[in-house]
PDB file of N, CA and C in Angstrom:
ATOM      1  N   MET A   1     -65.308 -25.561-232.084  1.00  0.00           N
ATOM      2  CA  MET A   1     -66.212 -25.381-230.896  1.00  0.00           C
ATOM      3  C   MET A   1     -65.487 -26.472-229.752  1.00  0.00           C
ATOM      4  N   LYS A   2     -64.706 -25.810-228.678  1.00  0.00           N
ATOM      5  CA  LYS A   2     -64.336 -27.071-228.111  1.00  0.00           C
ATOM      6  C   LYS A   2     -65.062 -28.115-227.794  1.00  0.00           C
ATOM      7  N   PRO A   3     -64.410 -29.635-227.824  1.00  0.00           N
ATOM      8  CA  PRO A   3     -65.043 -30.633-227.505  1.00  0.00           C
ATOM      9  C   PRO A   3     -66.214 -30.489-226.169  1.00  0.00           C
ATOM     10  N   SER A   4     -65.628 -30.184-224.890  1.00  0.00           N
ATOM     11  CA  SER A   4     -66.518 -29.730-223.777  1.00  0.00           C
ATOM     12  C   SER A   4     -67.575 -28.688-223.519  1.00  0.00           C
ATOM     13  N   ASN A   5     -67.390 -27.881-224.722  1.00  0.00           N
ATOM     14  CA  ASN A   5     -68.615 -27.164-224.835  1.00  0.00           C
ATOM     15  C   ASN A   5     -69.872 -27.859-225.892  1.00  0.00           C
ATOM     16  N   ARG A   6     -69.092 -28.418-226.684  1.00  0.00           N
ATOM     17  CA  ARG A   6     -70.196 -29.276-227.634  1.00  0.00           C
ATOM     18  C   ARG A   6     -70.681 -30.316-226.887  1.00  0.00           C
ATOM     19  N   ALA A   7     -70.016 -31.232-226.055  1.00  0.00           N
ATOM     20  CA  ALA A   7     -70.809 -32.145-225.405  1.00  0.00           C
ATOM     21  C   ALA A   7     -71.754 -31.858-224.604  1.00  0.00           C
ATOM     22  N   MET A   8     -71.379 -30.723-223.880  1.00  0.00           N
ATOM     23  CA  MET A   8     -72.403 -29.886-222.717  1.00  0.00           C
ATOM     24  C   MET A   8     -73.418 -29.820-223.701  1.00  0.00           C
ATOM     25  N   PHE A   9     -73.043 -28.632-224.452  1.00  0.00           N
ATOM     26  CA  PHE A   9     -74.464 -28.258-225.308  1.00  0.00           C
ATOM     27  C   PHE A   9     -75.239 -29.447-225.867  1.00  0.00           C
ATOM     28  N   TYR A  10     -74.759 -30.597-226.573  1.00  0.00           N
ATOM     29  CA  TYR A  10     -75.622 -31.242-227.059  1.00  0.00           C
ATOM     30  C   TYR A  10     -76.343 -32.015-225.923  1.00  0.00           C
ATOM     31  N   SER A  11     -75.676 -32.558-224.859  1.00  0.00           N
ATOM     32  CA  SER A  11     -76.696 -33.193-223.319  1.00  0.00           C
ATOM     33  C   SER A  11     -77.720 -32.034-222.553  1.00  0.00           C
ATOM     34  N   GLY A  12     -77.399 -30.897-222.904  1.00  0.00           N
ATOM     35  CA  GLY A  12     -78.065 -29.711-222.034  1.00  0.00           C
ATOM     36  C   GLY A  12     -79.367 -29.286-222.906  1.00  0.00           C
ATOM     37  N   LEU A  13     -78.881 -28.855-224.199  1.00  0.00           N
ATOM     38  CA  LEU A  13     -79.923 -28.320-225.079  1.00  0.00           C
ATOM     39  C   LEU A  13     -80.592 -29.269-225.897  1.00  0.00           C
ATOM     40  N   VAL A  14     -80.287 -30.323-226.191  1.00  0.00           N
ATOM     41  CA  VAL A  14     -80.711 -31.610-227.082  1.00  0.00           C
ATOM     42  C   VAL A  14     -81.445 -32.341-226.345  1.00  0.00           C
ATOM     43  N   PHE A  15     -80.654 -33.314-225.871  1.00  0.00           N
ATOM     44  CA  PHE A  15     -81.313 -34.414-225.048  1.00  0.00           C
ATOM     45  C   PHE A  15     -80.326 -34.964-224.178  1.00  0.00           C
ATOM     46  N   PRO A  16     -80.371 -35.406-222.912  1.00  0.00           N
ATOM     47  CA  PRO A  16     -79.495 -35.762-222.013  1.00  0.00           C
ATOM     48  C   PRO A  16     -78.719 -37.126-222.390  1.00  0.00           C
ATOM     49  N   GLY A  17     -77.420 -37.282-222.734  1.00  0.00           N
ATOM     50  CA  GLY A  17     -76.545 -38.806-222.923  1.00  0.00           C
ATOM     51  C   GLY A  17     -76.281 -38.275-224.471  1.00  0.00           C
ATOM     52  N   LEU A  18     -76.803 -37.242-225.285  1.00  0.00           N
ATOM     53  CA  LEU A  18     -76.126 -37.164-226.471  1.00  0.00           C
ATOM     54  C   LEU A  18     -74.798 -36.766-226.501  1.00  0.00           C
ATOM     55  N   GLY A  19     -74.564 -35.638-225.486  1.00  0.00           N
ATOM     56  CA  GLY A  19     -73.059 -35.273-225.400  1.00  0.00           C
ATOM     57  C   GLY A  19     -72.346 -36.422-225.168  1.00  0.00           C
ATOM     58  N   GLN A  20     -72.528 -37.602-224.402  1.00  0.00           N
ATOM     59  CA  GLN A  20     -71.759 -38.761-224.435  1.00  0.00           C
ATOM     60  C   GLN A  20     -71.597 -39.564-225.484  1.00  0.00           C
ATOM     61  N   TRP A  21     -72.312 -39.527-226.110  1.00  0.00           N
ATOM     62  CA  TRP A  21     -72.483 -40.306-227.366  1.00  0.00           C
ATOM     63  C   TRP A  21     -71.737 -39.523-228.438  1.00  0.00           C
ATOM     64  N   VAL A  22     -71.881 -38.287-228.512  1.00  0.00           N
ATOM     65  CA  VAL A  22     -70.342 -37.416-229.555  1.00  0.00           C
ATOM     66  C   VAL A  22     -69.239 -37.674-228.956  1.00  0.00           C
ATOM     67  N   MET A  23     -69.369 -37.698-227.799  1.00  0.00           N
ATOM     68  CA  MET A  23     -67.759 -38.028-227.500  1.00  0.00           C
ATOM     69  C   MET A  23     -67.178 -39.535-227.391  1.00  0.00           C
ATOM     70  N   GLY A  24     -68.009 -40.178-227.692  1.00  0.00           N
ATOM     71  CA  GLY A  24     -67.706 -41.663-228.151  1.00  0.00           C
ATOM     72  C   GLY A  24     -68.001 -42.494-226.573  1.00  0.00           C
ATOM     73  N   ARG A  25     -68.292 -42.277-225.813  1.00  0.00           N
ATOM     74  CA  ARG A  25     -68.837 -42.726-224.438  1.00  0.00           C
ATOM     75  C   ARG A  25     -70.235 -43.391-224.579  1.00  0.00           C
ATOM     76  N   ARG A  26     -70.213 -44.655-225.618  1.00  0.00           N
ATOM     77  CA  ARG A  26     -71.948 -45.248-226.255  1.00  0.00           C
ATOM     78  C   ARG A  26     -72.497 -45.877-224.963  1.00  0.00           C
ATOM     79  N   LEU A  27     -72.211 -46.548-224.253  1.00  0.00           N
ATOM     80  CA  LEU A  27     -72.649 -47.364-223.120  1.00  0.00           C
ATOM     81  C   LEU A  27     -73.251 -46.214-222.309  1.00  0.00           C
ATOM     82  N   ARG A  28     -72.182 -45.491-221.516  1.00  0.00           N
ATOM     83  CA  ARG A  28     -72.954 -44.345-220.791  1.00  0.00           C
ATOM     84  C   ARG A  28     -74.398 -43.380-221.330  1.00  0.00           C
ATOM     85  N   ALA A  29     -73.831 -43.451-222.536  1.00  0.00           N
ATOM     86  CA  ALA A  29     -74.862 -42.493-223.436  1.00  0.00           C
ATOM     87  C   ALA A  29     -76.276 -43.333-223.655  1.00  0.00           C
ATOM     88  N   LEU A  30     -76.223 -44.276-224.043  1.00  0.00           N
ATOM     89  CA  LEU A  30     -77.224 -45.004-223.852  1.00  0.00           C
ATOM     90  C   LEU A  30     -78.320 -45.527-222.651  1.00  0.00           C
ATOM     91  N   LEU A  31     -77.164 -45.426-221.579  1.00  0.00           N
ATOM     92  CA  LEU A  31     -78.001 -45.570-219.846  1.00  0.00           C
ATOM     93  C   LEU A  31     -78.821 -44.413-219.400  1.00  0.00           C
ATOM     94  N   ILE A  32     -77.797 -43.095-219.909  1.00  0.00           N
ATOM     95  CA  ILE A  32     -78.736 -42.076-219.565  1.00  0.00           C
ATOM     96  C   ILE A  32     -80.032 -41.596-220.626  1.00  0.00           C
ATOM     97  N   VAL A  33     -79.947 -42.089-221.796  1.00  0.00           N
ATOM     98  CA  VAL A  33     -81.210 -41.992-222.537  1.00  0.00           C
ATOM     99  C   VAL A  33     -82.055 -42.588-222.156  1.00  0.00           C
ATOM    100  N   ALA A  34     -81.972 -44.166-221.954  1.00  0.00           N
ATOM    101  CA  ALA A  34     -82.534 -45.109-221.175  1.00  0.00           C
ATOM    102  C   ALA A  34     -83.715 -44.833-220.057  1.00  0.00           C
ATOM    103  N   TRP A  35     -82.568 -44.470-218.806  1.00  0.00           N
ATOM    104  CA  TRP A  35     -83.176 -43.748-217.573  1.00  0.00           C
ATOM    105  C   TRP A  35     -84.118 -42.212-218.015  1.00  0.00           C
ATOM    106  N   GLU A  36     -83.573 -41.247-218.757  1.00  0.00           N
ATOM    107  CA  GLU A  36     -84.641 -40.212-219.407  1.00  0.00           C
ATOM    108  C   GLU A  36     -86.015 -40.464-219.947  1.00  0.00           C
ATOM    109  N   LEU A  37     -85.642 -41.741-220.704  1.00  0.00           N
ATOM    110  CA  LEU A  37     -86.914 -42.092-221.192  1.00  0.00           C
ATOM    111  C   LEU A  37     -87.749 -43.070-220.809  1.00  0.00           C
ATOM    112  N   LEU A  38     -87.159 -44.134-219.958  1.00  0.00           N
ATOM    113  CA  LEU A  38     -88.234 -44.414-218.748  1.00  0.00           C
ATOM    114  C   LEU A  38     -88.833 -43.451-217.323  1.00  0.00           C
ATOM    115  N   LEU A  39     -88.001 -42.886-217.025  1.00  0.00           N
ATOM    116  CA  LEU A  39     -88.591 -41.619-216.419  1.00  0.00           C
ATOM    117  C   LEU A  39     -89.934 -40.620-216.895  1.00  0.00           C
ATOM    118  N   LEU A  40     -89.535 -40.227-218.103  1.00  0.00           N
ATOM    119  CA  LEU A  40     -90.800 -39.254-218.897  1.00  0.00           C
ATOM    120  C   LEU A  40     -91.716 -40.408-219.123  1.00  0.00           C
ATOM    121  N   PHE A  41     -91.636 -41.795-219.402  1.00  0.00           N
ATOM    122  CA  PHE A  41     -92.409 -42.335-219.734  1.00  0.00           C
ATOM    123  C   PHE A  41     -93.580 -42.782-218.540  1.00  0.00           C
ATOM    124  N   ALA A  42     -92.877 -43.140-217.042  1.00  0.00           N
ATOM    125  CA  ALA A  42     -93.551 -43.094-216.143  1.00  0.00           C
ATOM    126  C   ALA A  42     -94.349 -41.905-215.607  1.00  0.00           C
ATOM    127  N   LEU A  43     -93.561 -40.602-215.833  1.00  0.00           N
ATOM    128  CA  LEU A  43     -94.555 -39.693-215.708  1.00  0.00           C
ATOM    129  C   LEU A  43     -95.440 -39.106-216.499  1.00  0.00           C
ATOM    130  N   PHE A  44     -95.300 -39.559-217.621  1.00  0.00           N
ATOM    131  CA  PHE A  44     -96.664 -39.608-218.596  1.00  0.00           C
ATOM    132  C   PHE A  44     -97.711 -40.434-218.057  1.00  0.00           C
ATOM    133  N   ILE A  45     -97.533 -41.848-217.634  1.00  0.00           N
ATOM    134  CA  ILE A  45     -98.597 -42.781-217.238  1.00  0.00           C
ATOM    135  C   ILE A  45     -99.228 -42.505-215.616  1.00  0.00           C
ATOM    136  N   ARG A  46     -98.158 -41.803-215.025  1.00  0.00           N
ATOM    137  CA  ARG A  46     -99.010 -41.296-213.609  1.00  0.00           C
ATOM    138  C   ARG A  46     -99.914 -39.899-214.212  1.00  0.00           C
ATOM    139  N   LEU A  47     -99.740 -39.293-214.928  1.00  0.00           N
ATOM    140  CA  LEU A  47    -100.205 -38.001-215.271  1.00  0.00           C
ATOM    141  C   LEU A  47    -101.350 -38.645-215.902  1.00  0.00           C
ATOM    142  N   PHE A  48    -101.250 -39.439-216.712  1.00  0.00           N
ATOM    143  CA  PHE A  48    -102.692 -39.720-217.387  1.00  0.00           C
ATOM    144  C   PHE A  48    -103.652 -40.536-216.542  1.00  0.00           C
ATOM    145  N   VAL A  49    -103.014 -41.431-215.768  1.00  0.00           N
ATOM    146  CA  VAL A  49    -104.110 -41.988-214.939  1.00  0.00           C
ATOM    147  C   VAL A  49    -104.765 -41.222-214.187  1.00  0.00           C
ATOM    148  N   LEU A  50    -104.208 -40.161-213.362  1.00  0.00           N
ATOM    149  CA  LEU A  50    -104.362 -39.137-212.499  1.00  0.00           C
ATOM    150  C   LEU A  50    -105.517 -38.500-213.362  1.00  0.00           C
ATOM    151  N   VAL A  51    -105.544 -38.225-214.394  1.00  0.00           N
ATOM    152  CA  VAL A  51    -106.373 -37.031-215.282  1.00  0.00           C
ATOM    153  C   VAL A  51    -107.537 -38.144-215.846  1.00  0.00           C
ATOM    154  N   TYR A  52    -107.168 -39.312-216.217  1.00  0.00           N
ATOM    155  CA  TYR A  52    -108.142 -40.199-216.202  1.00  0.00           C
ATOM    156  C   TYR A  52    -109.064 -40.470-214.906  1.00  0.00           C
ATOM    157  N   ASN A  53    -108.806 -40.828-213.745  1.00  0.00           N
ATOM    158  CA  ASN A  53    -109.193 -41.038-212.890  1.00  0.00           C
ATOM    159  C   ASN A  53    -110.040 -39.994-211.876  1.00  0.00           C
ATOM    160  N   THR A  54    -109.670 -38.738-211.958  1.00  0.00           N
ATOM    161  CA  THR A  54    -110.112 -37.750-211.705  1.00  0.00           C
ATOM    162  C   THR A  54    -111.536 -36.965-212.595  1.00  0.00           C
ATOM    163  N   LEU A  55    -111.175 -36.823-213.957  1.00  0.00           N
ATOM    164  CA  LEU A  55    -112.299 -36.616-214.988  1.00  0.00           C
ATOM    165  C   LEU A  55    -113.257 -37.670-215.620  1.00  0.00           C
ATOM    166  N   TYR A  56    -112.890 -38.481-215.346  1.00  0.00           N
ATOM    167  CA  TYR A  56    -113.606 -39.641-216.281  1.00  0.00           C
ATOM    168  C   TYR A  56    -115.104 -39.362-215.950  1.00  0.00           C
ATOM    169  N   GLU A  57    -115.886 -39.247-214.555  1.00  0.00           N
ATOM    170  CA  GLU A  57    -116.797 -39.566-214.198  1.00  0.00           C
ATOM    171  C   GLU A  57    -117.501 -38.134-214.447  1.00  0.00           C
ATOM    172  N   PRO A  58    -116.610 -36.821-214.124  1.00  0.00           N
ATOM    173  CA  PRO A  58    -117.529 -35.612-214.060  1.00  0.00           C
ATOM    174  C   PRO A  58    -117.965 -35.193-215.645  1.00  0.00           C
ATOM    175  N   ILE A  59    -116.639 -35.731-216.467  1.00  0.00           N
ATOM    176  CA  ILE A  59    -117.236 -35.599-217.893  1.00  0.00           C
ATOM    177  C   ILE A  59    -118.190 -36.612-218.572  1.00  0.00           C
ATOM    178  N   SER A  60    -118.031 -37.664-218.348  1.00  0.00           N
ATOM    179  CA  SER A  60    -119.200 -38.742-218.667  1.00  0.00           C
ATOM    180  C   SER A  60    -120.546 -38.394-218.142  1.00  0.00           C
ATOM    181  N   ASN A  61    -120.429 -37.303-217.131  1.00  0.00           N
ATOM    182  CA  ASN A  61    -121.992 -37.182-216.682  1.00  0.00           C
ATOM    183  C   ASN A  61    -122.189 -35.610-217.069  1.00  0.00           C
ATOM    184  N   PHE A  62    -121.484 -35.097-217.873  1.00  0.00           N
ATOM    185  CA  PHE A  62    -121.576 -33.557-218.054  1.00  0.00           C
ATOM    186  C   PHE A  62    -121.532 -32.582-217.023  1.00  0.00           C
ATOM    187  N   GLN A  63    -121.007 -33.047-216.092  1.00  0.00           N
ATOM    188  CA  GLN A  63    -120.953 -32.147-214.779  1.00  0.00           C
ATOM    189  C   GLN A  63    -119.472 -31.377-214.166  1.00  0.00           C
ATOM    190  N   LEU A  64    -119.082 -31.117-215.139  1.00  0.00           N
ATOM    191  CA  LEU A  64    -117.382 -30.526-215.113  1.00  0.00           C
ATOM    192  C   LEU A  64    -117.645 -29.279-213.941  1.00  0.00           C
ATOM    193  N   PRO A  65    -117.161 -29.650-212.783  1.00  0.00           N
ATOM    194  CA  PRO A  65    -117.078 -28.221-211.855  1.00  0.00           C
ATOM    195  C   PRO A  65    -115.740 -27.662-212.773  1.00  0.00           C
ATOM    196  N   PRO A  66    -115.830 -26.074-212.483  1.00  0.00           N
ATOM    197  CA  PRO A  66    -114.628 -25.174-213.156  1.00  0.00           C
ATOM    198  C   PRO A  66    -113.274 -25.140-212.438  1.00  0.00           C
ATOM    199  N   ASP A  67    -113.589 -25.462-211.220  1.00  0.00           N
ATOM    200  CA  ASP A  67    -111.948 -25.572-210.455  1.00  0.00           C
ATOM    201  C   ASP A  67    -111.393 -26.903-210.315  1.00  0.00           C
ATOM    202  N   LEU A  68    -111.862 -27.871-210.971  1.00  0.00           N
ATOM    203  CA  LEU A  68    -111.446 -29.370-211.193  1.00  0.00           C
ATOM    204  C   LEU A  68    -110.207 -29.394-212.056  1.00  0.00           C
ATOM    205  N   ILE A  69    -110.190 -28.858-213.221  1.00  0.00           N
ATOM    206  CA  ILE A  69    -108.821 -28.340-213.677  1.00  0.00           C
ATOM    207  C   ILE A  69    -107.771 -28.021-212.932  1.00  0.00           C
ATOM    208  N   ALA A  70    -107.927 -27.169-212.393  1.00  0.00           N
ATOM    209  CA  ALA A  70    -106.879 -26.418-211.208  1.00  0.00           C
ATOM    210  C   ALA A  70    -106.477 -27.547-210.122  1.00  0.00           C
ATOM    211  N   GLN A  71    -107.663 -28.229-209.700  1.00  0.00           N
ATOM    212  CA  GLN A  71    -106.833 -29.188-208.934  1.00  0.00           C
ATOM    213  C   GLN A  71    -106.569 -30.201-209.441  1.00  0.00           C
ATOM    214  N   VAL A  72    -106.628 -30.621-210.499  1.00  0.00           N
ATOM    215  CA  VAL A  72    -105.620 -31.621-211.062  1.00  0.00           C
ATOM    216  C   VAL A  72    -104.474 -31.225-211.345  1.00  0.00           C
ATOM    217  N   HIS A  73    -104.399 -29.893-211.953  1.00  0.00           N
ATOM    218  CA  HIS A  73    -102.879 -29.993-212.008  1.00  0.00           C
ATOM    219  C   HIS A  73    -102.090 -29.236-210.831  1.00  0.00           C
ATOM    220  N   LYS A  74    -102.818 -29.052-210.182  1.00  0.00           N
ATOM    221  CA  LYS A  74    -102.070 -28.835-208.712  1.00  0.00           C
ATOM    222  C   LYS A  74    -101.914 -30.370-208.051  1.00  0.00           C
ATOM    223  N   GLN A  75    -102.653 -31.323-208.329  1.00  0.00           N
ATOM    224  CA  GLN A  75    -102.226 -32.561-207.940  1.00  0.00           C
ATOM    225  C   GLN A  75    -101.327 -33.329-208.189  1.00  0.00           C
ATOM    226  N   ALA A  76    -101.534 -32.985-209.846  1.00  0.00           N
ATOM    227  CA  ALA A  76    -100.020 -33.624-210.723  1.00  0.00           C
ATOM    228  C   ALA A  76     -98.934 -33.337-210.190  1.00  0.00           C
ATOM    229  N   TYR A  77     -98.482 -31.948-209.630  1.00  0.00           N
ATOM    230  CA  TYR A  77     -97.330 -31.457-209.150  1.00  0.00           C
ATOM    231  C   TYR A  77     -97.033 -32.357-208.030  1.00  0.00           C
ATOM    232  N   VAL A  78     -98.067 -31.785-207.054  1.00  0.00           N
ATOM    233  CA  VAL A  78     -98.105 -32.139-205.546  1.00  0.00           C
ATOM    234  C   VAL A  78     -97.514 -34.005-205.619  1.00  0.00           C
ATOM    235  N   GLU A  79     -98.335 -34.739-206.378  1.00  0.00           N
ATOM    236  CA  GLU A  79     -98.004 -36.399-206.443  1.00  0.00           C
ATOM    237  C   GLU A  79     -96.799 -36.295-207.041  1.00  0.00           C
ATOM    238  N   ASN A  80     -96.227 -35.378-208.224  1.00  0.00           N
ATOM    239  CA  ASN A  80     -95.026 -36.125-209.098  1.00  0.00           C
ATOM    240  C   ASN A  80     -93.787 -35.283-208.882  1.00  0.00           C
ATOM    241  N   TRP A  81     -93.807 -34.539-207.885  1.00  0.00           N
ATOM    242  CA  TRP A  81     -92.591 -33.652-207.856  1.00  0.00           C
ATOM    243  C   TRP A  81     -91.065 -34.304-208.053  1.00  0.00           C
ATOM    244  N   TRP A  82     -91.225 -35.422-207.355  1.00  0.00           N
ATOM    245  CA  TRP A  82     -90.133 -36.532-206.701  1.00  0.00           C
ATOM    246  C   TRP A  82     -89.456 -36.510-207.940  1.00  0.00           C
ATOM    247  N   LEU A  83     -90.737 -37.313-208.956  1.00  0.00           N
ATOM    248  CA  LEU A  83     -90.169 -37.466-210.283  1.00  0.00           C
ATOM    249  C   LEU A  83     -89.749 -36.529-211.168  1.00  0.00           C
ATOM    250  N   LEU A  84     -90.194 -35.322-211.299  1.00  0.00           N
ATOM    251  CA  LEU A  84     -89.793 -34.245-211.938  1.00  0.00           C
ATOM    252  C   LEU A  84     -88.622 -33.949-211.495  1.00  0.00           C
ATOM    253  N   ALA A  85     -88.029 -33.986-210.342  1.00  0.00           N
ATOM    254  CA  ALA A  85     -86.834 -33.600-209.674  1.00  0.00           C
ATOM    255  C   ALA A  85     -85.745 -34.866-210.168  1.00  0.00           C
ATOM    256  N   LEU A  86     -86.194 -36.030-210.360  1.00  0.00           N
ATOM    257  CA  LEU A  86     -84.977 -36.878-210.826  1.00  0.00           C
ATOM    258  C   LEU A  86     -84.839 -36.983-212.060  1.00  0.00           C
ATOM    259  N   ILE A  87     -85.834 -36.582-212.864  1.00  0.00           N
ATOM    260  CA  ILE A  87     -85.705 -36.298-214.239  1.00  0.00           C
ATOM    261  C   ILE A  87     -84.420 -35.133-214.522  1.00  0.00           C
ATOM    262  N   LEU A  88     -84.884 -33.800-213.861  1.00  0.00           N
ATOM    263  CA  LEU A  88     -83.725 -32.796-213.804  1.00  0.00           C
ATOM    264  C   LEU A  88     -82.770 -33.166-213.345  1.00  0.00           C
ATOM    265  N   ALA A  89     -82.432 -34.084-211.957  1.00  0.00           N
ATOM    266  CA  ALA A  89     -80.958 -34.143-211.696  1.00  0.00           C
ATOM    267  C   ALA A  89     -80.593 -34.975-212.493  1.00  0.00           C
ATOM    268  N   ILE A  90     -80.756 -36.239-213.356  1.00  0.00           N
ATOM    269  CA  ILE A  90     -80.370 -37.077-213.860  1.00  0.00           C
ATOM    270  C   ILE A  90     -79.554 -35.930-215.633  1.00  0.00           C
ATOM    271  N   TRP A  91     -80.461 -35.085-216.100  1.00  0.00           N
ATOM    272  CA  TRP A  91     -80.379 -34.333-216.730  1.00  0.00           C
ATOM    273  C   TRP A  91     -79.246 -33.422-216.679  1.00  0.00           C
ATOM    274  N   ILE A  92     -79.302 -32.607-215.667  1.00  0.00           N
ATOM    275  CA  ILE A  92     -78.026 -32.061-215.349  1.00  0.00           C
ATOM    276  C   ILE A  92     -76.894 -32.304-214.997  1.00  0.00           C
ATOM    277  N   TRP A  93     -76.793 -34.134-214.300  1.00  0.00           N
ATOM    278  CA  TRP A  93     -75.966 -34.709-214.521  1.00  0.00           C
ATOM    279  C   TRP A  93     -75.112 -35.157-215.669  1.00  0.00           C
ATOM    280  N   SER A  94     -76.082 -35.086-216.831  1.00  0.00           N
ATOM    281  CA  SER A  94     -75.413 -35.813-217.851  1.00  0.00           C
ATOM    282  C   SER A  94     -74.731 -34.351-218.386  1.00  0.00           C
ATOM    283  N   VAL A  95     -75.014 -33.054-218.519  1.00  0.00           N
ATOM    284  CA  VAL A  95     -74.487 -31.845-218.868  1.00  0.00           C
ATOM    285  C   VAL A  95     -72.781 -31.906-218.133  1.00  0.00           C
ATOM    286  N   ILE A  96     -73.209 -32.187-216.962  1.00  0.00           N
ATOM    287  CA  ILE A  96     -71.715 -31.948-216.068  1.00  0.00           C
ATOM    288  C   ILE A  96     -70.891 -33.321-216.807  1.00  0.00           C
ATOM    289  N   ASP A  97     -71.447 -34.113-216.546  1.00  0.00           N
ATOM    290  CA  ASP A  97     -70.438 -35.146-217.274  1.00  0.00           C
ATOM    291  C   ASP A  97     -69.910 -35.305-218.520  1.00  0.00           C
ATOM    292  N   ALA A  98     -70.880 -34.849-219.417  1.00  0.00           N
ATOM    293  CA  ALA A  98     -70.665 -34.467-220.643  1.00  0.00           C
ATOM    294  C   ALA A  98     -69.250 -33.543-220.772  1.00  0.00           C
ATOM    295  N   TRP A  99     -69.663 -32.470-219.747  1.00  0.00           N
ATOM    296  CA  TRP A  99     -68.643 -31.519-220.532  1.00  0.00           C
ATOM    297  C   TRP A  99     -67.036 -32.114-219.716  1.00  0.00           C
ATOM    298  N   LEU A 100     -67.198 -32.933-218.447  1.00  0.00           N
ATOM    299  CA  LEU A 100     -65.669 -33.649-217.735  1.00  0.00           C
ATOM    300  C   LEU A 100     -65.520 -34.203-218.923  1.00  0.00           C
ATOM    301  N   ILE A 101     -66.081 -35.243-219.621  1.00  0.00           N
ATOM    302  CA  ILE A 101     -65.578 -36.071-220.554  1.00  0.00           C
ATOM    303  C   ILE A 101     -65.152 -35.332-221.702  1.00  0.00           C
ATOM    304  N   GLY A 102     -65.417 -33.907-222.230  1.00  0.00           N
ATOM    305  CA  GLY A 102     -65.044 -33.118-223.124  1.00  0.00           C
ATOM    306  C   GLY A 102     -63.980 -32.509-222.625  1.00  0.00           C
ATOM    307  N   LYS A 103     -63.581 -32.041-221.402  1.00  0.00           N
ATOM    308  CA  LYS A 103     -62.249 -31.708-220.678  1.00  0.00           C
ATOM    309  C   LYS A 103     -61.100 -32.669-220.561  1.00  0.00           C
ATOM    310  N   LYS A 104     -61.647 -34.210-220.617  1.00  0.00           N
ATOM    311  CA  LYS A 104     -60.568 -34.760-220.386  1.00  0.00           C
ATOM    312  C   LYS A 104     -59.910 -35.023-221.856  1.00  0.00           C
ATOM    313  N   ILE A 105     -60.736 -35.031-223.222  1.00  0.00           N
ATOM    314  CA  ILE A 105     -60.418 -35.076-224.414  1.00  0.00           C
ATOM    315  C   ILE A 105     -59.488 -34.396-224.566  1.00  0.00           C
ATOM    316  N   GLU A 106     -59.719 -33.171-224.500  1.00  0.00           N
ATOM    317  CA  GLU A 106     -58.921 -31.916-224.255  1.00  0.00           C
ATOM    318  C   GLU A 106     -57.672 -31.715-224.016  1.00  0.00           C
ATOM    319  N   ASN A 107     -57.658 -32.570-222.827  1.00  0.00           N
ATOM    320  CA  ASN A 107     -56.636 -32.647-222.078  1.00  0.00           C
ATOM    321  C   ASN A 107     -55.581 -33.772-222.271  1.00  0.00           C
ATOM    322  N   GLY A 108     -56.073 -34.501-223.715  1.00  0.00           N
ATOM    323  CA  GLY A 108     -55.383 -35.365-224.104  1.00  0.00           C
ATOM    324  C   GLY A 108     -55.580 -36.833-223.588  1.00  0.00           C
ATOM    325  N   SER A 109     -56.357 -37.167-222.847  1.00  0.00           N
ATOM    326  CA  SER A 109     -56.733 -38.659-221.856  1.00  0.00           C
ATOM    327  C   SER A 109     -57.374 -39.436-223.270  1.00  0.00           C
ATOM    328  N   PRO A 110     -56.599 -40.414-223.144  1.00  0.00           N
ATOM    329  CA  PRO A 110     -57.339 -41.544-223.811  1.00  0.00           C
ATOM    330  C   PRO A 110     -58.874 -41.997-223.926  1.00  0.00           C
ATOM    331  N   GLY A 111     -59.693 -41.713-225.096  1.00  0.00           N
ATOM    332  CA  GLY A 111     -61.107 -41.953-225.015  1.00  0.00           C
ATOM    333  C   GLY A 111     -61.992 -41.462-223.941  1.00  0.00           C
ATOM    334  N   GLY A 112     -61.594 -40.221-223.507  1.00  0.00           N
ATOM    335  CA  GLY A 112     -61.996 -39.313-222.548  1.00  0.00           C
ATOM    336  C   GLY A 112     -62.496 -39.851-221.469  1.00  0.00           C
ATOM    337  N   GLY A 113     -61.896 -40.823-220.902  1.00  0.00           N
ATOM    338  CA  GLY A 113     -62.109 -41.523-219.756  1.00  0.00           C
ATOM    339  C   GLY A 113     -61.115 -41.991-218.784  1.00  0.00           C
TER     340      GLY A 113
END
């Protein structure tokens, strides 16, 4: 498999930054992985707080309205769309960047950069 395709595969289907790691761009890979993990953690915390704040009182009083779960689900997307978009944008950038690094290696550029 060509280096560009392999790098793109690793960053796109395994985890963002892995393609850069495989192509020898360790610092860039670590930065991408760190950003993705930070954003995923932030998303997890935001969703946890949203669910906790919305559902704690109804569940503790055994009065869970049937449409409350749907409301929380919708609210999670409305309040966090920008975070999801940022995670996806970094992931897509990682795939394109890994592919470009692989192409440079295929064309004989030293170190892929």
